[in-house]
Amino acid sequence: MVFVVGFLAQALFSARVLVQWIMSERARRVLSPTLFWVLSLIASCMLCFYGWLRDDFAIVMGQVIAYYIYIWNLSIKGVWHKVPALLRAVILLLPLALIIPVAHDAHAAVDRFFGNDDIPLWMVIYGSAGQVIFTFRFIYQWLYSRRRGESELPGGFWIISLTGSLIIVSYAIFRHDPVLILGQSVGLIAYTRNLMLWYRRP
């Protein structure tokens, strides 16, 4: 049951990319659809819960930055305030509430990550860089959109996504990890196509 939660979260993350891509293709320009952010937030909630069920600090902590950026995008689109106040409070507090019980695992998570004899340290650093870059795309998107006062998925977002994804895929190939390879492959196509649409815009 625990793994079902994790797999469902990953499926929703993949679905958001497909939804955004299909809607952008129809419009012939890059869109930042509300459904993209709704699916992102639901998937992130589920992944936080999965991390809590697995007593895995790294998973919960890894979601925190993007989680609140998803909420910001829903807020600027005028959707967030339509959510009942009690539910908004629960969603806002969820990652923080789940980090506390698994915080004791923080040191162990670092040891597991950097102390794995099966993975050379340079490869751990390389894979971690991919994940950091991949997370940074949402920080960039937030800063860009904030300046413009509306939710957008700019060209830089797709460049950063593509860069992070290529690093993660190459890491996954080295690690013989079919789950990571498959999970990122659809994204690579979508990121490339969105970049093409962005630069072809009138």
N, C-alpha and C. Protein backbone atom coordinates (compact mmCIF):
# COMPACT_ATOMS: atom_id res chain seq x y z
N MET A 1 0.83 -1.21 0.00
CA MET A 1 0.00 0.00 0.00
C MET A 1 0.86 1.26 0.00
N VAL A 2 1.98 1.21 0.74
CA VAL A 2 2.88 2.36 0.81
C VAL A 2 3.43 2.69 -0.58
N PHE A 3 3.85 1.64 -1.31
CA PHE A 3 4.42 1.85 -2.64
C PHE A 3 3.37 2.34 -3.63
N VAL A 4 2.12 1.95 -3.42
CA VAL A 4 1.03 2.43 -4.28
C VAL A 4 0.95 3.95 -4.20
N VAL A 5 1.07 4.50 -2.99
CA VAL A 5 1.04 5.95 -2.80
C VAL A 5 2.19 6.61 -3.56
N GLY A 6 3.38 6.03 -3.45
CA GLY A 6 4.54 6.58 -4.14
C GLY A 6 4.41 6.52 -5.66
N PHE A 7 3.97 5.36 -6.18
CA PHE A 7 3.82 5.21 -7.62
C PHE A 7 2.72 6.12 -8.17
N LEU A 8 1.64 6.28 -7.40
CA LEU A 8 0.56 7.16 -7.82
C LEU A 8 1.03 8.61 -7.88
N ALA A 9 1.84 9.02 -6.91
CA ALA A 9 2.39 10.37 -6.91
C ALA A 9 3.24 10.59 -8.16
N GLN A 10 4.09 9.62 -8.47
CA GLN A 10 4.94 9.73 -9.66
C GLN A 10 4.11 9.76 -10.93
N ALA A 11 3.03 8.98 -10.95
CA ALA A 11 2.14 8.96 -12.12
C ALA A 11 1.50 10.33 -12.32
N LEU A 12 1.12 10.99 -11.23
CA LEU A 12 0.52 12.32 -11.32
C LEU A 12 1.53 13.37 -11.78
N PHE A 13 2.78 13.23 -11.35
CA PHE A 13 3.83 14.13 -11.82
C PHE A 13 4.01 13.99 -13.33
N SER A 14 3.97 12.75 -13.82
CA SER A 14 4.08 12.51 -15.27
C SER A 14 2.85 13.04 -15.99
N ALA A 15 1.67 12.86 -15.37
CA ALA A 15 0.42 13.30 -16.00
C ALA A 15 0.40 14.82 -16.16
N ARG A 16 0.96 15.55 -15.19
CA ARG A 16 0.95 17.02 -15.28
C ARG A 16 1.74 17.48 -16.51
N VAL A 17 2.86 16.79 -16.79
CA VAL A 17 3.68 17.15 -17.94
C VAL A 17 2.92 16.89 -19.24
N LEU A 18 2.24 15.74 -19.30
CA LEU A 18 1.47 15.40 -20.50
C LEU A 18 0.31 16.37 -20.71
N VAL A 19 -0.39 16.72 -19.63
CA VAL A 19 -1.51 17.67 -19.71
C VAL A 19 -1.02 19.02 -20.24
N GLN A 20 0.07 19.51 -19.66
CA GLN A 20 0.61 20.80 -20.08
C GLN A 20 1.05 20.76 -21.54
N TRP A 21 1.70 19.68 -21.92
CA TRP A 21 2.21 19.52 -23.28
C TRP A 21 1.06 19.49 -24.30
N ILE A 22 0.05 18.67 -24.02
CA ILE A 22 -1.10 18.55 -24.93
C ILE A 22 -1.83 19.88 -25.08
N MET A 23 -2.06 20.56 -23.95
CA MET A 23 -2.76 21.85 -23.99
C MET A 23 -1.95 22.91 -24.74
N SER A 24 -0.63 22.86 -24.58
CA SER A 24 0.24 23.81 -25.28
C SER A 24 0.27 23.53 -26.78
N GLU A 25 0.29 22.26 -27.15
CA GLU A 25 0.27 21.88 -28.57
C GLU A 25 -1.02 22.39 -29.23
N ARG A 26 -2.13 22.25 -28.53
CA ARG A 26 -3.42 22.70 -29.08
C ARG A 26 -3.43 24.22 -29.25
N ALA A 27 -2.83 24.91 -28.31
CA ALA A 27 -2.82 26.38 -28.36
C ALA A 27 -1.69 26.92 -29.24
N ARG A 28 -0.75 26.03 -29.61
CA ARG A 28 0.43 26.40 -30.41
C ARG A 28 1.31 27.41 -29.68
N ARG A 29 1.24 27.40 -28.37
CA ARG A 29 2.12 28.23 -27.54
C ARG A 29 2.21 27.60 -26.16
N VAL A 30 3.24 27.95 -25.42
CA VAL A 30 3.46 27.38 -24.09
C VAL A 30 2.44 27.94 -23.11
N LEU A 31 1.70 27.04 -22.47
CA LEU A 31 0.70 27.43 -21.48
C LEU A 31 1.15 27.01 -20.07
N SER A 32 0.58 27.68 -19.09
CA SER A 32 0.77 27.32 -17.69
C SER A 32 -0.62 27.00 -17.13
N PRO A 33 -1.18 25.83 -17.53
CA PRO A 33 -2.57 25.53 -17.15
C PRO A 33 -2.75 25.28 -15.65
N THR A 34 -3.91 25.65 -15.18
CA THR A 34 -4.23 25.45 -13.76
C THR A 34 -4.12 23.98 -13.38
N LEU A 35 -4.55 23.09 -14.28
CA LEU A 35 -4.51 21.65 -13.98
C LEU A 35 -3.08 21.17 -13.74
N PHE A 36 -2.11 21.78 -14.41
CA PHE A 36 -0.69 21.44 -14.19
C PHE A 36 -0.32 21.65 -12.73
N TRP A 37 -0.76 22.78 -12.17
CA TRP A 37 -0.41 23.12 -10.78
C TRP A 37 -1.23 22.32 -9.79
N VAL A 38 -2.48 22.02 -10.14
CA VAL A 38 -3.33 21.19 -9.26
C VAL A 38 -2.72 19.80 -9.14
N LEU A 39 -2.39 19.19 -10.28
CA LEU A 39 -1.78 17.85 -10.27
C LEU A 39 -0.44 17.86 -9.55
N SER A 40 0.33 18.94 -9.74
CA SER A 40 1.62 19.07 -9.06
C SER A 40 1.44 19.06 -7.54
N LEU A 41 0.47 19.84 -7.06
CA LEU A 41 0.24 19.93 -5.62
C LEU A 41 -0.27 18.62 -5.04
N ILE A 42 -1.20 17.97 -5.73
CA ILE A 42 -1.72 16.68 -5.25
C ILE A 42 -0.60 15.65 -5.20
N ALA A 43 0.20 15.58 -6.27
CA ALA A 43 1.31 14.62 -6.32
C ALA A 43 2.32 14.90 -5.22
N SER A 44 2.60 16.18 -4.98
CA SER A 44 3.56 16.56 -3.95
C SER A 44 3.04 16.20 -2.56
N CYS A 45 1.75 16.43 -2.31
CA CYS A 45 1.13 16.02 -1.04
C CYS A 45 1.30 14.52 -0.83
N MET A 46 1.03 13.75 -1.90
CA MET A 46 1.12 12.30 -1.81
C MET A 46 2.56 11.84 -1.58
N LEU A 47 3.52 12.52 -2.24
CA LEU A 47 4.91 12.14 -2.07
C LEU A 47 5.41 12.48 -0.67
N CYS A 48 4.94 13.59 -0.12
CA CYS A 48 5.27 13.94 1.28
C CYS A 48 4.73 12.85 2.21
N PHE A 49 3.50 12.44 1.97
CA PHE A 49 2.88 11.40 2.79
C PHE A 49 3.63 10.09 2.63
N TYR A 50 4.06 9.78 1.40
CA TYR A 50 4.84 8.57 1.12
C TYR A 50 6.16 8.61 1.91
N GLY A 51 6.83 9.77 1.89
CA GLY A 51 8.07 9.92 2.63
C GLY A 51 7.88 9.71 4.12
N TRP A 52 6.74 10.19 4.63
CA TRP A 52 6.42 10.00 6.04
C TRP A 52 6.18 8.52 6.34
N LEU A 53 5.43 7.85 5.47
CA LEU A 53 5.17 6.41 5.65
C LEU A 53 6.46 5.60 5.61
N ARG A 54 7.42 6.05 4.80
CA ARG A 54 8.70 5.36 4.66
C ARG A 54 9.72 5.84 5.68
N ASP A 55 9.31 6.82 6.51
CA ASP A 55 10.22 7.41 7.50
C ASP A 55 11.47 7.93 6.81
N ASP A 56 11.27 8.59 5.67
CA ASP A 56 12.37 9.05 4.84
C ASP A 56 12.38 10.58 4.79
N PHE A 57 13.28 11.17 5.55
CA PHE A 57 13.39 12.63 5.66
C PHE A 57 13.69 13.27 4.30
N ALA A 58 14.57 12.64 3.53
CA ALA A 58 15.01 13.21 2.25
C ALA A 58 13.85 13.41 1.29
N ILE A 59 12.92 12.47 1.25
CA ILE A 59 11.79 12.56 0.33
C ILE A 59 10.89 13.74 0.70
N VAL A 60 10.56 13.85 1.99
CA VAL A 60 9.69 14.94 2.44
C VAL A 60 10.37 16.29 2.23
N MET A 61 11.63 16.38 2.65
CA MET A 61 12.37 17.64 2.54
C MET A 61 12.54 18.05 1.08
N GLY A 62 12.71 17.06 0.21
CA GLY A 62 12.90 17.34 -1.21
C GLY A 62 11.71 17.98 -1.88
N GLN A 63 10.54 17.87 -1.27
CA GLN A 63 9.31 18.41 -1.86
C GLN A 63 9.00 19.84 -1.41
N VAL A 64 9.62 20.28 -0.31
CA VAL A 64 9.17 21.50 0.36
C VAL A 64 9.20 22.75 -0.53
N ILE A 65 10.31 23.01 -1.22
CA ILE A 65 10.43 24.25 -1.99
C ILE A 65 9.39 24.32 -3.10
N ALA A 66 9.37 23.27 -3.94
CA ALA A 66 8.43 23.26 -5.07
C ALA A 66 6.98 23.26 -4.58
N TYR A 67 6.72 22.60 -3.46
CA TYR A 67 5.37 22.49 -2.89
C TYR A 67 4.73 23.86 -2.72
N TYR A 68 5.46 24.77 -2.10
CA TYR A 68 4.91 26.10 -1.83
C TYR A 68 4.88 26.97 -3.09
N ILE A 69 5.72 26.66 -4.06
CA ILE A 69 5.65 27.37 -5.36
C ILE A 69 4.40 26.93 -6.11
N TYR A 70 4.02 25.66 -6.00
CA TYR A 70 2.76 25.20 -6.62
C TYR A 70 1.59 25.99 -6.04
N ILE A 71 1.60 26.16 -4.72
CA ILE A 71 0.52 26.91 -4.06
C ILE A 71 0.51 28.36 -4.53
N TRP A 72 1.68 28.97 -4.66
CA TRP A 72 1.77 30.35 -5.13
C TRP A 72 1.15 30.48 -6.52
N ASN A 73 1.47 29.55 -7.42
CA ASN A 73 0.92 29.60 -8.77
C ASN A 73 -0.60 29.44 -8.76
N LEU A 74 -1.11 28.57 -7.91
CA LEU A 74 -2.56 28.42 -7.80
C LEU A 74 -3.19 29.68 -7.22
N SER A 75 -2.47 30.33 -6.33
CA SER A 75 -2.97 31.57 -5.73
C SER A 75 -3.04 32.69 -6.76
N ILE A 76 -1.99 32.85 -7.55
CA ILE A 76 -1.98 33.94 -8.54
C ILE A 76 -2.98 33.68 -9.67
N LYS A 77 -3.37 32.41 -9.84
CA LYS A 77 -4.38 32.07 -10.84
C LYS A 77 -5.80 32.21 -10.27
N GLY A 78 -5.89 32.57 -8.99
CA GLY A 78 -7.19 32.79 -8.38
C GLY A 78 -7.91 31.54 -7.96
N VAL A 79 -7.19 30.42 -7.89
CA VAL A 79 -7.81 29.13 -7.55
C VAL A 79 -7.67 28.81 -6.07
N TRP A 80 -6.52 29.18 -5.49
CA TRP A 80 -6.21 28.81 -4.11
C TRP A 80 -7.25 29.31 -3.12
N HIS A 81 -7.72 30.55 -3.29
CA HIS A 81 -8.68 31.11 -2.33
C HIS A 81 -10.05 30.43 -2.42
N LYS A 82 -10.30 29.67 -3.49
CA LYS A 82 -11.57 28.95 -3.62
C LYS A 82 -11.59 27.65 -2.83
N VAL A 83 -10.40 27.21 -2.40
CA VAL A 83 -10.31 26.01 -1.56
C VAL A 83 -10.78 26.36 -0.16
N PRO A 84 -11.62 25.50 0.47
CA PRO A 84 -12.08 25.80 1.84
C PRO A 84 -10.92 26.11 2.78
N ALA A 85 -11.14 27.07 3.67
CA ALA A 85 -10.08 27.58 4.55
C ALA A 85 -9.42 26.47 5.37
N LEU A 86 -10.20 25.54 5.90
CA LEU A 86 -9.64 24.46 6.72
C LEU A 86 -8.72 23.58 5.88
N LEU A 87 -9.16 23.26 4.66
CA LEU A 87 -8.34 22.43 3.77
C LEU A 87 -7.06 23.17 3.38
N ARG A 88 -7.17 24.49 3.15
CA ARG A 88 -5.98 25.29 2.84
C ARG A 88 -4.97 25.21 3.98
N ALA A 89 -5.46 25.32 5.20
CA ALA A 89 -4.58 25.27 6.37
C ALA A 89 -3.88 23.91 6.47
N VAL A 90 -4.63 22.84 6.24
CA VAL A 90 -4.06 21.49 6.29
C VAL A 90 -2.98 21.33 5.22
N ILE A 91 -3.28 21.78 4.00
CA ILE A 91 -2.32 21.66 2.89
C ILE A 91 -1.07 22.48 3.18
N LEU A 92 -1.25 23.69 3.71
CA LEU A 92 -0.10 24.55 4.01
C LEU A 92 0.82 23.94 5.07
N LEU A 93 0.22 23.29 6.06
CA LEU A 93 1.00 22.75 7.18
C LEU A 93 1.51 21.33 6.95
N LEU A 94 0.98 20.65 5.92
CA LEU A 94 1.30 19.23 5.72
C LEU A 94 2.80 18.92 5.67
N PRO A 95 3.60 19.56 4.79
CA PRO A 95 5.02 19.19 4.75
C PRO A 95 5.74 19.43 6.08
N LEU A 96 5.42 20.55 6.72
CA LEU A 96 6.05 20.87 8.00
C LEU A 96 5.66 19.85 9.07
N ALA A 97 4.39 19.47 9.06
CA ALA A 97 3.91 18.50 10.03
C ALA A 97 4.54 17.12 9.82
N LEU A 98 4.85 16.79 8.57
CA LEU A 98 5.43 15.48 8.26
C LEU A 98 6.95 15.46 8.41
N ILE A 99 7.58 16.63 8.29
CA ILE A 99 9.05 16.69 8.46
C ILE A 99 9.43 16.41 9.91
N ILE A 100 8.65 16.95 10.85
CA ILE A 100 8.98 16.83 12.27
C ILE A 100 9.14 15.38 12.71
N PRO A 101 8.14 14.47 12.41
CA PRO A 101 8.31 13.10 12.88
C PRO A 101 9.43 12.32 12.20
N VAL A 102 9.85 12.76 11.01
CA VAL A 102 10.93 12.02 10.33
C VAL A 102 12.27 12.74 10.42
N ALA A 103 12.30 13.87 11.16
CA ALA A 103 13.53 14.65 11.26
C ALA A 103 14.66 13.85 11.90
N HIS A 104 14.31 12.91 12.77
CA HIS A 104 15.34 12.08 13.41
C HIS A 104 16.11 11.26 12.38
N ASP A 105 15.51 11.11 11.19
CA ASP A 105 16.13 10.30 10.13
C ASP A 105 17.07 11.13 9.25
N ALA A 106 17.16 12.45 9.51
CA ALA A 106 17.95 13.32 8.64
C ALA A 106 19.41 12.88 8.57
N HIS A 107 20.02 12.62 9.72
CA HIS A 107 21.43 12.21 9.74
C HIS A 107 21.61 10.87 9.04
N ALA A 108 20.69 9.95 9.30
CA ALA A 108 20.77 8.63 8.66
C ALA A 108 20.60 8.74 7.15
N ALA A 109 19.72 9.66 6.71
CA ALA A 109 19.50 9.85 5.27
C ALA A 109 20.76 10.34 4.59
N VAL A 110 21.47 11.28 5.24
CA VAL A 110 22.73 11.78 4.69
C VAL A 110 23.77 10.66 4.63
N ASP A 111 23.84 9.87 5.70
CA ASP A 111 24.79 8.76 5.73
C ASP A 111 24.50 7.73 4.64
N ARG A 112 23.21 7.42 4.46
CA ARG A 112 22.82 6.46 3.42
C ARG A 112 23.18 6.99 2.05
N PHE A 113 22.96 8.28 1.87
CA PHE A 113 23.16 8.89 0.56
C PHE A 113 24.64 8.96 0.18
N PHE A 114 25.44 9.46 1.12
CA PHE A 114 26.87 9.65 0.82
C PHE A 114 27.74 8.47 1.23
N GLY A 115 27.18 7.54 1.98
CA GLY A 115 27.97 6.40 2.45
C GLY A 115 27.67 5.10 1.73
N ASN A 116 27.07 5.18 0.56
CA ASN A 116 26.75 3.99 -0.22
C ASN A 116 27.97 3.54 -1.02
N ASP A 117 28.54 2.40 -0.65
CA ASP A 117 29.76 1.91 -1.30
C ASP A 117 29.52 1.48 -2.75
N ASP A 118 28.24 1.26 -3.12
CA ASP A 118 27.92 0.82 -4.48
C ASP A 118 27.97 1.98 -5.48
N ILE A 119 27.94 3.21 -4.98
CA ILE A 119 27.93 4.38 -5.87
C ILE A 119 29.15 5.24 -5.55
N PRO A 120 30.02 5.48 -6.54
CA PRO A 120 31.18 6.36 -6.31
C PRO A 120 30.71 7.76 -5.90
N LEU A 121 31.52 8.43 -5.06
CA LEU A 121 31.15 9.74 -4.56
C LEU A 121 30.91 10.74 -5.69
N TRP A 122 31.74 10.69 -6.75
CA TRP A 122 31.57 11.63 -7.86
C TRP A 122 30.22 11.45 -8.54
N MET A 123 29.75 10.18 -8.57
CA MET A 123 28.45 9.90 -9.20
C MET A 123 27.30 10.39 -8.31
N VAL A 124 27.48 10.29 -7.00
CA VAL A 124 26.48 10.81 -6.06
C VAL A 124 26.36 12.32 -6.23
N ILE A 125 27.52 12.99 -6.34
CA ILE A 125 27.53 14.45 -6.52
C ILE A 125 26.88 14.82 -7.86
N TYR A 126 27.21 14.06 -8.89
CA TYR A 126 26.66 14.30 -10.23
C TYR A 126 25.14 14.14 -10.24
N GLY A 127 24.66 13.04 -9.66
CA GLY A 127 23.21 12.79 -9.60
C GLY A 127 22.50 13.83 -8.75
N SER A 128 23.15 14.23 -7.66
CA SER A 128 22.57 15.25 -6.78
C SER A 128 22.47 16.59 -7.50
N ALA A 129 23.50 16.91 -8.31
CA ALA A 129 23.48 18.16 -9.08
C ALA A 129 22.28 18.18 -10.02
N GLY A 130 21.99 17.04 -10.64
CA GLY A 130 20.82 16.94 -11.51
C GLY A 130 19.53 17.24 -10.77
N GLN A 131 19.42 16.68 -9.57
CA GLN A 131 18.21 16.90 -8.76
C GLN A 131 18.10 18.35 -8.31
N VAL A 132 19.23 18.96 -7.94
CA VAL A 132 19.23 20.37 -7.51
C VAL A 132 18.80 21.27 -8.66
N ILE A 133 19.38 21.02 -9.84
CA ILE A 133 19.03 21.80 -11.03
C ILE A 133 17.55 21.63 -11.34
N PHE A 134 17.07 20.40 -11.25
CA PHE A 134 15.68 20.08 -11.54
C PHE A 134 14.73 20.83 -10.60
N THR A 135 15.12 20.94 -9.33
CA THR A 135 14.31 21.67 -8.35
C THR A 135 14.39 23.17 -8.60
N PHE A 136 15.56 23.65 -9.00
CA PHE A 136 15.77 25.08 -9.22
C PHE A 136 14.85 25.63 -10.30
N ARG A 137 14.39 24.77 -11.24
CA ARG A 137 13.52 25.26 -12.32
C ARG A 137 12.27 25.92 -11.77
N PHE A 138 11.74 25.41 -10.64
CA PHE A 138 10.53 26.00 -10.07
C PHE A 138 10.84 27.32 -9.35
N ILE A 139 12.04 27.42 -8.78
CA ILE A 139 12.44 28.70 -8.18
C ILE A 139 12.55 29.75 -9.27
N TYR A 140 13.15 29.36 -10.40
CA TYR A 140 13.27 30.27 -11.55
C TYR A 140 11.88 30.66 -12.06
N GLN A 141 11.00 29.69 -12.19
CA GLN A 141 9.64 29.94 -12.68
C GLN A 141 8.91 30.91 -11.76
N TRP A 142 9.07 30.73 -10.47
CA TRP A 142 8.43 31.59 -9.48
C TRP A 142 8.95 33.03 -9.58
N LEU A 143 10.28 33.19 -9.67
CA LEU A 143 10.88 34.53 -9.77
C LEU A 143 10.43 35.22 -11.06
N TYR A 144 10.45 34.48 -12.17
CA TYR A 144 10.05 35.02 -13.46
C TYR A 144 8.57 35.45 -13.44
N SER A 145 7.71 34.56 -12.94
CA SER A 145 6.27 34.84 -12.91
C SER A 145 5.94 35.97 -11.94
N ARG A 146 6.65 36.01 -10.83
CA ARG A 146 6.41 37.05 -9.83
C ARG A 146 6.67 38.43 -10.40
N ARG A 147 7.75 38.54 -11.20
CA ARG A 147 8.06 39.83 -11.83
C ARG A 147 6.96 40.27 -12.79
N ARG A 148 6.32 39.29 -13.44
CA ARG A 148 5.28 39.60 -14.42
C ARG A 148 3.88 39.61 -13.82
N GLY A 149 3.74 39.15 -12.61
CA GLY A 149 2.45 39.17 -11.94
C GLY A 149 1.47 38.14 -12.45
N GLU A 150 1.96 37.12 -13.16
CA GLU A 150 1.10 36.03 -13.62
C GLU A 150 1.90 34.76 -13.75
N SER A 151 1.19 33.62 -13.67
CA SER A 151 1.85 32.32 -13.75
C SER A 151 2.24 32.00 -15.19
N GLU A 152 3.54 31.82 -15.41
CA GLU A 152 4.05 31.46 -16.73
C GLU A 152 5.08 30.35 -16.60
N LEU A 153 5.26 29.61 -17.69
CA LEU A 153 6.32 28.61 -17.78
C LEU A 153 7.26 29.09 -18.90
N PRO A 154 8.26 29.91 -18.54
CA PRO A 154 9.10 30.56 -19.54
C PRO A 154 10.14 29.63 -20.16
N GLY A 155 10.83 30.15 -21.19
CA GLY A 155 11.84 29.36 -21.87
C GLY A 155 12.92 28.85 -20.93
N GLY A 156 13.34 29.68 -19.99
CA GLY A 156 14.37 29.27 -19.02
C GLY A 156 13.95 28.08 -18.19
N PHE A 157 12.67 28.00 -17.87
CA PHE A 157 12.14 26.86 -17.11
C PHE A 157 12.40 25.56 -17.86
N TRP A 158 12.17 25.59 -19.19
CA TRP A 158 12.34 24.37 -20.00
C TRP A 158 13.81 24.05 -20.23
N ILE A 159 14.65 25.08 -20.33
CA ILE A 159 16.10 24.84 -20.46
C ILE A 159 16.64 24.17 -19.20
N ILE A 160 16.24 24.71 -18.04
CA ILE A 160 16.68 24.14 -16.76
C ILE A 160 16.12 22.72 -16.61
N SER A 161 14.85 22.52 -16.98
CA SER A 161 14.24 21.19 -16.90
C SER A 161 15.00 20.18 -17.76
N LEU A 162 15.32 20.59 -18.97
CA LEU A 162 16.03 19.74 -19.92
C LEU A 162 17.43 19.40 -19.40
N THR A 163 18.12 20.40 -18.87
CA THR A 163 19.47 20.18 -18.33
C THR A 163 19.45 19.20 -17.17
N GLY A 164 18.56 19.46 -16.19
CA GLY A 164 18.45 18.57 -15.03
C GLY A 164 18.04 17.17 -15.42
N SER A 165 17.10 17.06 -16.35
CA SER A 165 16.61 15.76 -16.80
C SER A 165 17.70 14.96 -17.51
N LEU A 166 18.49 15.62 -18.35
CA LEU A 166 19.59 14.94 -19.05
C LEU A 166 20.62 14.40 -18.06
N ILE A 167 20.91 15.17 -17.03
CA ILE A 167 21.85 14.71 -16.00
C ILE A 167 21.27 13.50 -15.27
N ILE A 168 19.98 13.57 -14.91
CA ILE A 168 19.34 12.47 -14.19
C ILE A 168 19.28 11.21 -15.05
N VAL A 169 18.96 11.36 -16.34
CA VAL A 169 18.90 10.20 -17.24
C VAL A 169 20.27 9.56 -17.40
N SER A 170 21.31 10.38 -17.58
CA SER A 170 22.66 9.83 -17.73
C SER A 170 23.10 9.13 -16.44
N TYR A 171 22.72 9.71 -15.29
CA TYR A 171 22.98 9.06 -14.01
C TYR A 171 22.25 7.72 -13.92
N ALA A 172 20.98 7.72 -14.36
CA ALA A 172 20.17 6.49 -14.31
C ALA A 172 20.74 5.41 -15.23
N ILE A 173 21.28 5.82 -16.38
CA ILE A 173 21.89 4.85 -17.30
C ILE A 173 23.10 4.21 -16.63
N PHE A 174 23.91 5.03 -15.98
CA PHE A 174 25.08 4.53 -15.27
C PHE A 174 24.66 3.57 -14.15
N ARG A 175 23.57 3.90 -13.50
CA ARG A 175 23.08 3.10 -12.36
C ARG A 175 22.18 1.94 -12.79
N HIS A 176 21.92 1.84 -14.11
CA HIS A 176 21.02 0.79 -14.63
C HIS A 176 19.66 0.85 -13.93
N ASP A 177 19.10 2.07 -13.87
CA ASP A 177 17.83 2.29 -13.18
C ASP A 177 16.73 2.56 -14.20
N PRO A 178 15.97 1.52 -14.61
CA PRO A 178 14.95 1.69 -15.64
C PRO A 178 13.80 2.61 -15.21
N VAL A 179 13.51 2.66 -13.90
CA VAL A 179 12.42 3.50 -13.40
C VAL A 179 12.73 4.98 -13.66
N LEU A 180 13.97 5.37 -13.30
CA LEU A 180 14.38 6.76 -13.52
C LEU A 180 14.44 7.09 -15.01
N ILE A 181 14.97 6.15 -15.79
CA ILE A 181 15.09 6.39 -17.24
C ILE A 181 13.71 6.59 -17.85
N LEU A 182 12.79 5.69 -17.53
CA LEU A 182 11.43 5.78 -18.07
C LEU A 182 10.72 7.04 -17.58
N GLY A 183 10.88 7.33 -16.29
CA GLY A 183 10.21 8.49 -15.70
C GLY A 183 10.65 9.81 -16.31
N GLN A 184 11.93 9.90 -16.72
CA GLN A 184 12.45 11.15 -17.27
C GLN A 184 12.32 11.23 -18.79
N SER A 185 12.17 10.09 -19.46
CA SER A 185 12.17 10.08 -20.93
C SER A 185 11.01 10.87 -21.52
N VAL A 186 9.80 10.68 -20.98
CA VAL A 186 8.63 11.43 -21.48
C VAL A 186 8.86 12.92 -21.26
N GLY A 187 9.42 13.25 -20.09
CA GLY A 187 9.71 14.64 -19.78
C GLY A 187 10.67 15.27 -20.77
N LEU A 188 11.70 14.53 -21.18
CA LEU A 188 12.69 15.06 -22.12
C LEU A 188 12.02 15.51 -23.41
N ILE A 189 11.09 14.71 -23.91
CA ILE A 189 10.37 15.04 -25.14
C ILE A 189 9.51 16.29 -24.93
N ALA A 190 8.77 16.30 -23.81
CA ALA A 190 7.88 17.44 -23.52
C ALA A 190 8.67 18.72 -23.31
N TYR A 191 9.80 18.65 -22.59
CA TYR A 191 10.60 19.84 -22.33
C TYR A 191 11.15 20.41 -23.63
N THR A 192 11.64 19.52 -24.50
CA THR A 192 12.19 19.95 -25.79
C THR A 192 11.11 20.62 -26.64
N ARG A 193 9.93 20.00 -26.69
CA ARG A 193 8.84 20.54 -27.50
C ARG A 193 8.36 21.88 -26.97
N ASN A 194 8.26 22.02 -25.65
CA ASN A 194 7.85 23.30 -25.06
C ASN A 194 8.86 24.39 -25.37
N LEU A 195 10.13 24.03 -25.37
CA LEU A 195 11.18 24.98 -25.70
C LEU A 195 11.04 25.45 -27.15
N MET A 196 10.73 24.52 -28.04
CA MET A 196 10.50 24.87 -29.44
C MET A 196 9.30 25.81 -29.59
N LEU A 197 8.22 25.50 -28.87
CA LEU A 197 7.02 26.34 -28.92
C LEU A 197 7.31 27.73 -28.37
N TRP A 198 8.10 27.77 -27.30
CA TRP A 198 8.42 29.05 -26.66
C TRP A 198 9.17 29.96 -27.63
N TYR A 199 10.16 29.42 -28.30
CA TYR A 199 10.98 30.24 -29.19
C TYR A 199 10.31 30.51 -30.54
N ARG A 200 9.23 29.78 -30.84
CA ARG A 200 8.49 30.04 -32.07
C ARG A 200 7.30 30.97 -31.85
N ARG A 201 7.13 31.38 -30.59
CA ARG A 201 5.96 32.20 -30.30
C ARG A 201 6.04 33.52 -31.05
N PRO A 202 4.87 34.09 -31.42
CA PRO A 202 4.87 35.36 -32.18
C PRO A 202 5.41 36.51 -31.34
